[in-house]
Structures are given as C-alpha cells and as structure tokens.
Amino acid sequence: MLVTINVAVLLAIIIILRLRRRTHARSRNDEKLTVAIVLVFGVLIAPTAFGQGILDIVVQVVQGVSQSGR
C-alpha cells in the first residue's frame, strides 16, 4: 500500500496550527518562519485550479473596490 501526502495540504495544516498560537507567545524568528511557510504554500497552490480561483476572486474584489472609489 502506497501512501502519498500532498505537500500543500501538509503546509496548510502546519500554517493553521502555527497561527492558532497566541500572538505574544511568538518570537520574531517564529514569525519569520511562518511567513516563509506561507510563501512556499502560496507558490505551491498558485498553478492549481484552486489557486487560480482564489486569484480570480481577489482580482474581482480589487476591481470592485477601485471602481467604487471613482
């Protein structure tokens, strides 16, 4: 039996666990590591259909906000 682990799913779980900690309990290095993990996660999901869907939603929101300011 072969078990595979999707790296993006694993990173998502790690991000959720890290962000559940209290803010004042985090050191500066801990926050830097969290940012690096989130960046890697973003790079991993960007080319997927899910990542493209998120991009489309963000683009629509930004366009709506910029047009409402006119």
C-alpha atoms as a PDB file:
ATOM      1  CA  MET A   1       0.000   0.000   0.000  1.00  0.00           C
ATOM      2  CA  LEU A   2       1.421   3.361  -1.078  1.00  0.00           C
ATOM      3  CA  VAL A   3       0.509   6.451   0.919  1.00  0.00           C
ATOM      4  CA  THR A   4       1.101   9.857  -0.617  1.00  0.00           C
ATOM      5  CA  ILE A   5       0.931  13.199   1.130  1.00  0.00           C
ATOM      6  CA  ASN A   6       0.106  16.370  -0.737  1.00  0.00           C
ATOM      7  CA  VAL A   7       2.727  18.913   0.355  1.00  0.00           C
ATOM      8  CA  ALA A   8       0.307  21.833   0.006  1.00  0.00           C
ATOM      9  CA  VAL A   9      -2.198  20.149   2.326  1.00  0.00           C
ATOM     10  CA  LEU A  10       0.546  19.392   4.835  1.00  0.00           C
ATOM     11  CA  LEU A  11       1.712  23.021   4.763  1.00  0.00           C
ATOM     12  CA  ALA A  12      -1.882  24.238   5.174  1.00  0.00           C
ATOM     13  CA  ILE A  13      -2.217  22.126   8.324  1.00  0.00           C
ATOM     14  CA  ILE A  14       1.102  23.441   9.652  1.00  0.00           C
ATOM     15  CA  ILE A  15       0.023  27.039   8.954  1.00  0.00           C
ATOM     16  CA  ILE A  16      -3.277  26.557  10.784  1.00  0.00           C
ATOM     17  CA  LEU A  17      -1.527  25.045  13.792  1.00  0.00           C
ATOM     18  CA  ARG A  18       1.083  27.813  13.898  1.00  0.00           C
ATOM     19  CA  LEU A  19      -1.481  30.620  13.610  1.00  0.00           C
ATOM     20  CA  ARG A  20      -3.566  29.217  16.464  1.00  0.00           C
ATOM     21  CA  ARG A  21      -0.828  30.193  18.921  1.00  0.00           C
ATOM     22  CA  ARG A  22      -1.186  33.454  20.786  1.00  0.00           C
ATOM     23  CA  THR A  23       0.488  36.428  19.124  1.00  0.00           C
ATOM     24  CA  HIS A  24       2.509  37.492  22.167  1.00  0.00           C
ATOM     25  CA  ALA A  25       3.866  33.944  22.520  1.00  0.00           C
ATOM     26  CA  ARG A  26       5.629  34.133  19.151  1.00  0.00           C
ATOM     27  CA  SER A  27       9.224  35.211  18.758  1.00  0.00           C
ATOM     28  CA  ARG A  28      10.477  37.219  15.816  1.00  0.00           C
ATOM     29  CA  ASN A  29      12.146  34.136  14.323  1.00  0.00           C
ATOM     30  CA  ASP A  30       8.907  32.185  14.756  1.00  0.00           C
ATOM     31  CA  GLU A  31       7.009  34.845  12.811  1.00  0.00           C
ATOM     32  CA  LYS A  32       9.654  34.827  10.045  1.00  0.00           C
ATOM     33  CA  LEU A  33       9.364  31.046   9.746  1.00  0.00           C
ATOM     34  CA  THR A  34       5.564  31.331   9.498  1.00  0.00           C
ATOM     35  CA  VAL A  35       5.895  33.904   6.710  1.00  0.00           C
ATOM     36  CA  ALA A  36       8.319  31.645   4.831  1.00  0.00           C
ATOM     37  CA  ILE A  37       5.952  28.668   5.159  1.00  0.00           C
ATOM     38  CA  VAL A  38       3.029  30.771   3.899  1.00  0.00           C
ATOM     39  CA  LEU A  39       5.079  31.950   0.902  1.00  0.00           C
ATOM     40  CA  VAL A  40       6.007  28.375  -0.010  1.00  0.00           C
ATOM     41  CA  PHE A  41       2.348  27.388   0.366  1.00  0.00           C
ATOM     42  CA  GLY A  42       1.342  30.199  -1.992  1.00  0.00           C
ATOM     43  CA  VAL A  43       3.879  29.095  -4.585  1.00  0.00           C
ATOM     44  CA  LEU A  44       2.610  25.513  -4.361  1.00  0.00           C
ATOM     45  CA  ILE A  45      -1.082  26.329  -4.827  1.00  0.00           C
ATOM     46  CA  ALA A  46      -0.650  29.142  -7.384  1.00  0.00           C
ATOM     47  CA  PRO A  47      -0.596  26.933 -10.523  1.00  0.00           C
ATOM     48  CA  THR A  48      -3.509  24.770  -9.366  1.00  0.00           C
ATOM     49  CA  ALA A  49      -7.168  25.327 -10.252  1.00  0.00           C
ATOM     50  CA  PHE A  50      -7.835  26.244  -6.621  1.00  0.00           C
ATOM     51  CA  GLY A  51      -5.074  28.869  -6.709  1.00  0.00           C
ATOM     52  CA  GLN A  52      -6.390  30.317  -9.960  1.00  0.00           C
ATOM     53  CA  GLY A  53      -9.883  30.506  -8.434  1.00  0.00           C
ATOM     54  CA  ILE A  54      -8.521  32.455  -5.473  1.00  0.00           C
ATOM     55  CA  LEU A  55      -6.677  34.780  -7.859  1.00  0.00           C
ATOM     56  CA  ASP A  56      -9.869  35.429  -9.843  1.00  0.00           C
ATOM     57  CA  ILE A  57     -11.792  36.260  -6.660  1.00  0.00           C
ATOM     58  CA  VAL A  58      -9.082  38.638  -5.454  1.00  0.00           C
ATOM     59  CA  VAL A  59      -8.965  40.365  -8.853  1.00  0.00           C
ATOM     60  CA  GLN A  60     -12.750  40.850  -8.840  1.00  0.00           C
ATOM     61  CA  VAL A  61     -12.682  42.291  -5.312  1.00  0.00           C
ATOM     62  CA  VAL A  62      -9.850  44.684  -6.161  1.00  0.00           C
ATOM     63  CA  GLN A  63     -11.600  45.828  -9.339  1.00  0.00           C
ATOM     64  CA  GLY A  64     -14.842  46.363  -7.415  1.00  0.00           C
ATOM     65  CA  VAL A  65     -13.097  48.420  -4.746  1.00  0.00           C
ATOM     66  CA  SER A  66     -11.198  50.520  -7.289  1.00  0.00           C
ATOM     67  CA  GLN A  67     -14.380  51.198  -9.302  1.00  0.00           C
ATOM     68  CA  SER A  68     -16.382  52.139  -6.205  1.00  0.00           C
ATOM     69  CA  GLY A  69     -13.810  54.830  -5.442  1.00  0.00           C
ATOM     70  CA  ARG A  70     -14.493  56.607  -8.726  1.00  0.00           C
END
